[in-house]
C-alpha atoms as a PDB file:
ATOM      1  CA  UNK A   1     123.761 102.835 117.945  1.00  0.00           C
ATOM      2  CA  UNK A   2     120.548 103.993 119.611  1.00  0.00           C
ATOM      3  CA  UNK A   3     117.455 101.793 119.466  1.00  0.00           C
ATOM      4  CA  UNK A   4     114.826 102.919 116.994  1.00  0.00           C
ATOM      5  CA  UNK A   5     111.411 104.006 118.208  1.00  0.00           C
ATOM      6  CA  UNK A   6     108.850 101.430 116.902  1.00  0.00           C
ATOM      7  CA  UNK A   7     106.037 104.008 116.798  1.00  0.00           C
ATOM      8  CA  UNK A   8     108.161 106.418 114.755  1.00  0.00           C
ATOM      9  CA  UNK A   9     109.167 103.586 112.433  1.00  0.00           C
ATOM     10  CA  UNK A  10     105.521 102.555 112.072  1.00  0.00           C
ATOM     11  CA  UNK A  11     104.471 106.094 111.177  1.00  0.00           C
ATOM     12  CA  UNK A  12     107.212 106.360 108.559  1.00  0.00           C
ATOM     13  CA  UNK A  13     106.328 102.956 107.116  1.00  0.00           C
ATOM     14  CA  UNK A  14     102.618 103.813 107.058  1.00  0.00           C
ATOM     15  CA  UNK A  15     103.395 106.840 104.929  1.00  0.00           C
ATOM     16  CA  UNK A  16     105.272 104.573 102.519  1.00  0.00           C
ATOM     17  CA  UNK A  17     102.202 102.310 102.351  1.00  0.00           C
ATOM     18  CA  UNK A  18     103.935  99.090 103.444  1.00  0.00           C
ATOM     19  CA  UNK A  19     101.570  96.890 105.427  1.00  0.00           C
ATOM     20  CA  UNK A  20     101.769  93.438 106.943  1.00  0.00           C
ATOM     21  CA  UNK A  21      99.509  90.908 108.646  1.00  0.00           C
ATOM     22  CA  UNK A  22     100.058  88.780 111.731  1.00  0.00           C
ATOM     23  CA  UNK A  23      98.118  86.421 113.992  1.00  0.00           C
ATOM     24  CA  UNK A  24      97.328  87.917 117.396  1.00  0.00           C
ATOM     25  CA  UNK A  25      98.701  85.692 120.176  1.00  0.00           C
ATOM     26  CA  UNK A  26      97.514  87.664 123.236  1.00  0.00           C
ATOM     27  CA  UNK A  27      94.947  90.372 123.910  1.00  0.00           C
ATOM     28  CA  UNK A  28      96.469  93.822 123.328  1.00  0.00           C
ATOM     29  CA  UNK A  29      93.912  96.457 124.450  1.00  0.00           C
ATOM     30  CA  UNK A  30      96.084  99.416 123.417  1.00  0.00           C
ATOM     31  CA  UNK A  31      95.562  98.395 119.799  1.00  0.00           C
ATOM     32  CA  UNK A  32      92.102  96.853 120.240  1.00  0.00           C
ATOM     33  CA  UNK A  33      93.373  93.348 119.506  1.00  0.00           C
ATOM     34  CA  UNK A  34      92.090  90.047 120.859  1.00  0.00           C
ATOM     35  CA  UNK A  35      93.800  86.683 120.758  1.00  0.00           C
ATOM     36  CA  UNK A  36      93.023  84.766 117.569  1.00  0.00           C
ATOM     37  CA  UNK A  37      92.411  87.784 115.341  1.00  0.00           C
ATOM     38  CA  UNK A  38      94.585  88.858 112.417  1.00  0.00           C
ATOM     39  CA  UNK A  39      96.180  92.290 112.796  1.00  0.00           C
ATOM     40  CA  UNK A  40      96.872  94.270 109.635  1.00  0.00           C
ATOM     41  CA  UNK A  41      98.844  97.492 109.720  1.00  0.00           C
ATOM     42  CA  UNK A  42     102.150  99.240 109.119  1.00  0.00           C
ATOM     43  CA  UNK A  43     104.918  96.703 108.671  1.00  0.00           C
ATOM     44  CA  UNK A  44     107.147  98.250 111.359  1.00  0.00           C
ATOM     45  CA  UNK A  45     104.329  98.216 113.935  1.00  0.00           C
ATOM     46  CA  UNK A  46     103.466  94.596 113.143  1.00  0.00           C
ATOM     47  CA  UNK A  47     107.149  93.685 113.498  1.00  0.00           C
ATOM     48  CA  UNK A  48     107.488  95.578 116.794  1.00  0.00           C
ATOM     49  CA  UNK A  49     104.458  93.782 118.256  1.00  0.00           C
ATOM     50  CA  UNK A  50     105.764  90.451 116.954  1.00  0.00           C
ATOM     51  CA  UNK A  51     109.152  91.135 118.553  1.00  0.00           C
ATOM     52  CA  UNK A  52     107.308  91.806 121.835  1.00  0.00           C
ATOM     53  CA  UNK A  53     105.559  88.427 121.574  1.00  0.00           C
ATOM     54  CA  UNK A  54     102.049  89.772 120.983  1.00  0.00           C
ATOM     55  CA  UNK A  55     101.838  88.709 117.317  1.00  0.00           C
ATOM     56  CA  UNK A  56     103.070  85.920 115.069  1.00  0.00           C
ATOM     57  CA  UNK A  57     103.927  87.336 111.635  1.00  0.00           C
ATOM     58  CA  UNK A  58     104.916  84.008 110.060  1.00  0.00           C
ATOM     59  CA  UNK A  59     102.825  83.423 106.900  1.00  0.00           C
ATOM     60  CA  UNK A  60     101.790  79.956 108.152  1.00  0.00           C
ATOM     61  CA  UNK A  61     100.358  81.511 111.336  1.00  0.00           C
ATOM     62  CA  UNK A  62      98.381  84.072 109.327  1.00  0.00           C
ATOM     63  CA  UNK A  63      97.112  81.370 106.942  1.00  0.00           C
ATOM     64  CA  UNK A  64      96.057  79.189 109.893  1.00  0.00           C
ATOM     65  CA  UNK A  65      94.139  82.041 111.522  1.00  0.00           C
ATOM     66  CA  UNK A  66      92.468  82.940 108.218  1.00  0.00           C
ATOM     67  CA  UNK A  67      91.492  79.295 107.738  1.00  0.00           C
ATOM     68  CA  UNK A  68      89.854  79.362 111.172  1.00  0.00           C
ATOM     69  CA  UNK A  69      87.764  82.388 110.127  1.00  0.00           C
ATOM     70  CA  UNK A  70      89.702  84.930 112.177  1.00  0.00           C
ATOM     71  CA  UNK A  71      88.573  88.536 112.043  1.00  0.00           C
ATOM     72  CA  UNK A  72      91.032  90.926 110.365  1.00  0.00           C
ATOM     73  CA  UNK A  73      91.569  94.081 112.436  1.00  0.00           C
ATOM     74  CA  UNK A  74      93.304  97.169 111.050  1.00  0.00           C
ATOM     75  CA  UNK A  75      95.796  98.769 113.421  1.00  0.00           C
ATOM     76  CA  UNK A  76      97.969 101.851 113.167  1.00  0.00           C
ATOM     77  CA  UNK A  77      99.520 104.579 115.239  1.00  0.00           C
ATOM     78  CA  UNK A  78      96.436 105.916 117.098  1.00  0.00           C
ATOM     79  CA  UNK A  79      97.746 109.302 118.304  1.00  0.00           C
ATOM     80  CA  UNK A  80      99.193 110.273 114.944  1.00  0.00           C
ATOM     81  CA  UNK A  81      96.182 108.960 113.049  1.00  0.00           C
ATOM     82  CA  UNK A  82      93.847 111.040 115.228  1.00  0.00           C
ATOM     83  CA  UNK A  83      95.969 114.161 114.736  1.00  0.00           C
ATOM     84  CA  UNK A  84      95.996 113.658 110.965  1.00  0.00           C
ATOM     85  CA  UNK A  85      92.226 113.157 110.911  1.00  0.00           C
ATOM     86  CA  UNK A  86      91.649 116.301 112.966  1.00  0.00           C
ATOM     87  CA  UNK A  87      93.984 118.338 110.738  1.00  0.00           C
ATOM     88  CA  UNK A  88      92.169 117.237 107.568  1.00  0.00           C
ATOM     89  CA  UNK A  89      88.679 117.773 108.987  1.00  0.00           C
ATOM     90  CA  UNK A  90      87.672 121.435 109.173  1.00  0.00           C
ATOM     91  CA  UNK A  91      84.466 120.496 111.035  1.00  0.00           C
ATOM     92  CA  UNK A  92      86.576 119.219 113.947  1.00  0.00           C
ATOM     93  CA  UNK A  93      87.406 122.772 115.006  1.00  0.00           C
END
């Protein structure tokens, strides 16, 4: 069975409205994340980044970061989000 594309899964999950939170373990400039923050976004994207070792999605890790006053940062699928915004904004043309 072929491996699933995390970005495609994230886009599909985002449409379904399922989100998750995770503690950021390392800086991840592609998503604008810095170590110590809490990332919130599509569940599949959070899981993909956690599988890669960039995030810790365990509830205890999120609770710890929140207790330390960590900033919550919304993340998504940037290219698709930009395309959707441009398509819904007639002034962008």
